[in-house]
Amino acid sequence: MVKEDIIDIVYKKVGFTHNEAVAAVELIFETIKERLTAGEDVNIVGFGKFCLRDKKERAGRNPKTGQAFKITARRVLTFKPSKNMKEFVNGGKGNT
């Protein structure tokens, strides 16, 4: 599934025009990106939680050559599915 598929679903199920569906989906994604960039977690009840974690610089090793190198510090995006989402994906009912 790609973003255009989500737009088409919103267009068909909600009754927006195609342009309104594009704007709605874009607004949701932009808002999530802005909140994450501002350092906030994004918790969507019944779906899951997006958050950024800071990883420290650490030593690494090339598995092919064995040569050591430094892995730079960086921020990583993580997603933790909600209990309901885990149940739903694993064939349970979940509360959708």
N, C-alpha and C. Protein backbone atom coordinates (compact mmCIF):
# COMPACT_ATOMS: atom_id res chain seq x y z
N MET A 1 0.85 -1.17 0.00
CA MET A 1 0.00 0.00 0.00
C MET A 1 0.89 1.23 0.00
N VAL A 2 0.55 2.18 -0.82
CA VAL A 2 1.27 3.45 -0.90
C VAL A 2 0.31 4.59 -0.56
N LYS A 3 0.85 5.78 -0.44
CA LYS A 3 0.05 6.93 -0.03
C LYS A 3 -1.14 7.15 -0.97
N GLU A 4 -0.96 6.94 -2.25
CA GLU A 4 -2.05 7.13 -3.21
C GLU A 4 -3.21 6.18 -2.92
N ASP A 5 -2.90 4.96 -2.45
CA ASP A 5 -3.95 4.00 -2.08
C ASP A 5 -4.76 4.53 -0.89
N ILE A 6 -4.07 5.12 0.07
CA ILE A 6 -4.76 5.70 1.23
C ILE A 6 -5.66 6.85 0.78
N ILE A 7 -5.16 7.68 -0.11
CA ILE A 7 -5.95 8.80 -0.64
C ILE A 7 -7.20 8.28 -1.33
N ASP A 8 -7.06 7.23 -2.14
CA ASP A 8 -8.22 6.66 -2.84
C ASP A 8 -9.25 6.11 -1.86
N ILE A 9 -8.80 5.49 -0.78
CA ILE A 9 -9.73 4.96 0.22
C ILE A 9 -10.49 6.10 0.90
N VAL A 10 -9.77 7.16 1.27
CA VAL A 10 -10.42 8.32 1.88
C VAL A 10 -11.42 8.93 0.89
N TYR A 11 -11.02 9.05 -0.35
CA TYR A 11 -11.88 9.61 -1.40
C TYR A 11 -13.18 8.80 -1.52
N LYS A 12 -13.07 7.48 -1.56
CA LYS A 12 -14.24 6.63 -1.77
C LYS A 12 -15.11 6.47 -0.53
N LYS A 13 -14.49 6.31 0.65
CA LYS A 13 -15.26 6.00 1.86
C LYS A 13 -15.80 7.23 2.58
N VAL A 14 -15.08 8.35 2.52
CA VAL A 14 -15.50 9.52 3.28
C VAL A 14 -16.40 10.43 2.45
N GLY A 15 -16.23 10.37 1.14
CA GLY A 15 -17.05 11.21 0.28
C GLY A 15 -16.41 12.55 -0.05
N PHE A 16 -15.13 12.70 0.26
CA PHE A 16 -14.41 13.92 -0.13
C PHE A 16 -14.20 13.91 -1.63
N THR A 17 -13.94 15.08 -2.19
CA THR A 17 -13.45 15.13 -3.56
C THR A 17 -12.03 14.59 -3.53
N HIS A 18 -11.50 14.26 -4.70
CA HIS A 18 -10.14 13.73 -4.74
C HIS A 18 -9.15 14.74 -4.17
N ASN A 19 -9.31 16.00 -4.50
CA ASN A 19 -8.41 17.05 -3.99
C ASN A 19 -8.53 17.19 -2.47
N GLU A 20 -9.74 17.09 -1.94
CA GLU A 20 -9.93 17.16 -0.48
C GLU A 20 -9.29 15.95 0.21
N ALA A 21 -9.39 14.78 -0.41
CA ALA A 21 -8.77 13.57 0.15
C ALA A 21 -7.26 13.71 0.17
N VAL A 22 -6.69 14.23 -0.91
CA VAL A 22 -5.24 14.46 -0.96
C VAL A 22 -4.83 15.42 0.14
N ALA A 23 -5.57 16.52 0.29
CA ALA A 23 -5.25 17.52 1.30
C ALA A 23 -5.35 16.94 2.71
N ALA A 24 -6.36 16.12 2.97
CA ALA A 24 -6.55 15.53 4.30
C ALA A 24 -5.42 14.58 4.65
N VAL A 25 -5.07 13.71 3.73
CA VAL A 25 -4.00 12.74 3.98
C VAL A 25 -2.66 13.47 4.14
N GLU A 26 -2.38 14.44 3.28
CA GLU A 26 -1.15 15.21 3.38
C GLU A 26 -1.08 15.94 4.72
N LEU A 27 -2.18 16.51 5.18
CA LEU A 27 -2.22 17.23 6.45
C LEU A 27 -1.90 16.29 7.61
N ILE A 28 -2.46 15.11 7.59
CA ILE A 28 -2.19 14.13 8.65
C ILE A 28 -0.71 13.78 8.69
N PHE A 29 -0.14 13.45 7.53
CA PHE A 29 1.28 13.08 7.48
C PHE A 29 2.18 14.24 7.88
N GLU A 30 1.88 15.44 7.41
CA GLU A 30 2.68 16.61 7.76
C GLU A 30 2.63 16.89 9.25
N THR A 31 1.45 16.74 9.84
CA THR A 31 1.29 16.98 11.28
C THR A 31 2.12 15.97 12.08
N ILE A 32 2.08 14.71 11.67
CA ILE A 32 2.88 13.69 12.35
C ILE A 32 4.37 14.03 12.24
N LYS A 33 4.82 14.39 11.05
CA LYS A 33 6.23 14.74 10.86
C LYS A 33 6.63 15.95 11.70
N GLU A 34 5.78 16.97 11.73
CA GLU A 34 6.08 18.18 12.51
C GLU A 34 6.20 17.86 14.00
N ARG A 35 5.27 17.06 14.54
CA ARG A 35 5.30 16.73 15.96
C ARG A 35 6.53 15.90 16.31
N LEU A 36 6.89 14.95 15.44
CA LEU A 36 8.09 14.14 15.68
C LEU A 36 9.34 15.00 15.62
N THR A 37 9.41 15.89 14.64
CA THR A 37 10.55 16.78 14.51
C THR A 37 10.68 17.69 15.73
N ALA A 38 9.56 18.06 16.33
CA ALA A 38 9.56 18.91 17.52
C ALA A 38 9.91 18.11 18.78
N GLY A 39 10.14 16.82 18.64
CA GLY A 39 10.52 16.00 19.77
C GLY A 39 9.37 15.36 20.52
N GLU A 40 8.17 15.47 19.99
CA GLU A 40 7.00 14.88 20.64
C GLU A 40 6.74 13.48 20.11
N ASP A 41 6.20 12.61 20.96
CA ASP A 41 5.74 11.31 20.51
C ASP A 41 4.36 11.49 19.89
N VAL A 42 4.02 10.62 18.94
CA VAL A 42 2.70 10.64 18.33
C VAL A 42 2.02 9.32 18.68
N ASN A 43 0.99 9.41 19.53
CA ASN A 43 0.28 8.23 19.99
C ASN A 43 -1.12 8.23 19.37
N ILE A 44 -1.39 7.24 18.54
CA ILE A 44 -2.69 7.10 17.91
C ILE A 44 -3.38 5.93 18.61
N VAL A 45 -4.36 6.24 19.45
CA VAL A 45 -5.03 5.24 20.26
C VAL A 45 -5.62 4.15 19.38
N GLY A 46 -5.37 2.91 19.74
CA GLY A 46 -5.87 1.78 18.98
C GLY A 46 -5.00 1.41 17.79
N PHE A 47 -3.96 2.19 17.52
CA PHE A 47 -3.08 1.93 16.38
C PHE A 47 -1.65 1.71 16.86
N GLY A 48 -1.06 2.74 17.47
CA GLY A 48 0.30 2.61 17.96
C GLY A 48 0.94 3.94 18.26
N LYS A 49 2.22 3.89 18.60
CA LYS A 49 2.95 5.08 19.01
C LYS A 49 4.23 5.22 18.18
N PHE A 50 4.41 6.40 17.59
CA PHE A 50 5.63 6.75 16.88
C PHE A 50 6.47 7.61 17.81
N CYS A 51 7.76 7.32 17.89
CA CYS A 51 8.63 8.18 18.69
C CYS A 51 10.05 8.14 18.14
N LEU A 52 10.79 9.19 18.45
CA LEU A 52 12.19 9.29 18.05
C LEU A 52 13.07 8.92 19.23
N ARG A 53 14.14 8.19 18.96
CA ARG A 53 15.13 7.86 19.98
C ARG A 53 16.48 8.34 19.50
N ASP A 54 17.28 8.84 20.42
CA ASP A 54 18.64 9.23 20.09
C ASP A 54 19.55 8.05 20.36
N LYS A 55 20.35 7.69 19.37
CA LYS A 55 21.32 6.62 19.54
C LYS A 55 22.70 7.24 19.65
N LYS A 56 23.49 6.78 20.58
CA LYS A 56 24.83 7.30 20.79
C LYS A 56 25.78 6.76 19.73
N GLU A 57 26.91 7.47 19.59
CA GLU A 57 27.96 6.97 18.72
C GLU A 57 28.49 5.67 19.32
N ARG A 58 28.81 4.72 18.45
CA ARG A 58 29.31 3.44 18.96
C ARG A 58 30.27 2.81 17.96
N ALA A 59 30.99 1.84 18.43
CA ALA A 59 31.94 1.13 17.58
C ALA A 59 31.21 0.07 16.77
N GLY A 60 31.61 -0.09 15.53
CA GLY A 60 31.05 -1.10 14.66
C GLY A 60 32.17 -1.87 13.99
N ARG A 61 31.82 -2.93 13.31
CA ARG A 61 32.83 -3.74 12.62
C ARG A 61 32.24 -4.23 11.31
N ASN A 62 32.99 -4.07 10.24
CA ASN A 62 32.57 -4.58 8.94
C ASN A 62 32.64 -6.11 9.00
N PRO A 63 31.52 -6.81 8.84
CA PRO A 63 31.54 -8.28 8.98
C PRO A 63 32.36 -8.97 7.89
N LYS A 64 32.50 -8.34 6.76
CA LYS A 64 33.23 -8.95 5.65
C LYS A 64 34.75 -8.84 5.84
N THR A 65 35.20 -7.64 6.25
CA THR A 65 36.65 -7.41 6.36
C THR A 65 37.14 -7.44 7.80
N GLY A 66 36.24 -7.29 8.77
CA GLY A 66 36.64 -7.24 10.16
C GLY A 66 37.16 -5.88 10.59
N GLN A 67 37.16 -4.92 9.67
CA GLN A 67 37.69 -3.60 9.98
C GLN A 67 36.73 -2.84 10.90
N ALA A 68 37.30 -2.23 11.95
CA ALA A 68 36.50 -1.46 12.90
C ALA A 68 36.24 -0.05 12.36
N PHE A 69 35.08 0.50 12.72
CA PHE A 69 34.74 1.88 12.36
C PHE A 69 33.74 2.40 13.37
N LYS A 70 33.51 3.72 13.35
CA LYS A 70 32.56 4.33 14.27
C LYS A 70 31.22 4.53 13.57
N ILE A 71 30.16 4.15 14.25
CA ILE A 71 28.81 4.41 13.78
C ILE A 71 28.39 5.72 14.44
N THR A 72 28.06 6.72 13.64
CA THR A 72 27.78 8.05 14.17
C THR A 72 26.48 8.08 14.97
N ALA A 73 26.40 9.05 15.87
CA ALA A 73 25.18 9.26 16.64
C ALA A 73 24.07 9.68 15.68
N ARG A 74 22.86 9.26 15.97
CA ARG A 74 21.74 9.61 15.09
C ARG A 74 20.43 9.43 15.83
N ARG A 75 19.38 9.93 15.22
CA ARG A 75 18.03 9.75 15.74
C ARG A 75 17.34 8.70 14.89
N VAL A 76 16.60 7.81 15.55
CA VAL A 76 15.88 6.78 14.82
C VAL A 76 14.40 6.85 15.17
N LEU A 77 13.58 6.60 14.19
CA LEU A 77 12.13 6.58 14.38
C LEU A 77 11.71 5.17 14.74
N THR A 78 10.93 5.05 15.81
CA THR A 78 10.44 3.73 16.21
C THR A 78 8.92 3.75 16.22
N PHE A 79 8.34 2.59 16.05
CA PHE A 79 6.89 2.44 16.11
C PHE A 79 6.59 1.26 17.01
N LYS A 80 5.70 1.48 17.95
CA LYS A 80 5.26 0.41 18.84
C LYS A 80 3.75 0.26 18.65
N PRO A 81 3.32 -0.88 18.10
CA PRO A 81 1.89 -1.07 17.89
C PRO A 81 1.14 -1.18 19.22
N SER A 82 -0.11 -0.73 19.21
CA SER A 82 -0.94 -0.84 20.41
C SER A 82 -1.32 -2.30 20.64
N LYS A 83 -1.80 -2.59 21.82
CA LYS A 83 -2.26 -3.94 22.16
C LYS A 83 -3.36 -4.38 21.19
N ASN A 84 -4.29 -3.45 20.90
CA ASN A 84 -5.39 -3.78 19.98
C ASN A 84 -4.86 -4.10 18.58
N MET A 85 -3.87 -3.34 18.12
CA MET A 85 -3.31 -3.59 16.79
C MET A 85 -2.61 -4.94 16.75
N LYS A 86 -1.87 -5.27 17.80
CA LYS A 86 -1.20 -6.58 17.85
C LYS A 86 -2.23 -7.71 17.78
N GLU A 87 -3.31 -7.58 18.56
CA GLU A 87 -4.35 -8.61 18.56
C GLU A 87 -5.00 -8.72 17.18
N PHE A 88 -5.29 -7.59 16.55
CA PHE A 88 -5.93 -7.58 15.24
C PHE A 88 -5.05 -8.26 14.20
N VAL A 89 -3.77 -7.91 14.19
CA VAL A 89 -2.84 -8.48 13.21
C VAL A 89 -2.65 -9.98 13.40
N ASN A 90 -2.74 -10.42 14.65
CA ASN A 90 -2.56 -11.84 14.95
C ASN A 90 -3.87 -12.62 14.92
N GLY A 91 -4.89 -12.08 14.28
CA GLY A 91 -6.12 -12.82 14.08
C GLY A 91 -7.17 -12.63 15.15
N GLY A 92 -6.86 -11.84 16.17
CA GLY A 92 -7.85 -11.57 17.20
C GLY A 92 -8.77 -10.46 16.77
N LYS A 93 -9.70 -10.13 17.58
CA LYS A 93 -10.66 -9.09 17.22
C LYS A 93 -10.08 -7.70 17.39
N GLY A 94 -9.45 -7.42 18.52
CA GLY A 94 -8.97 -6.06 18.78
C GLY A 94 -10.16 -5.12 18.87
N ASN A 95 -9.96 -3.95 19.35
CA ASN A 95 -11.03 -2.95 19.44
C ASN A 95 -10.82 -1.91 18.38
N THR A 96 -11.34 -2.12 17.20
CA THR A 96 -11.15 -1.17 16.11
C THR A 96 -12.31 -0.23 16.01
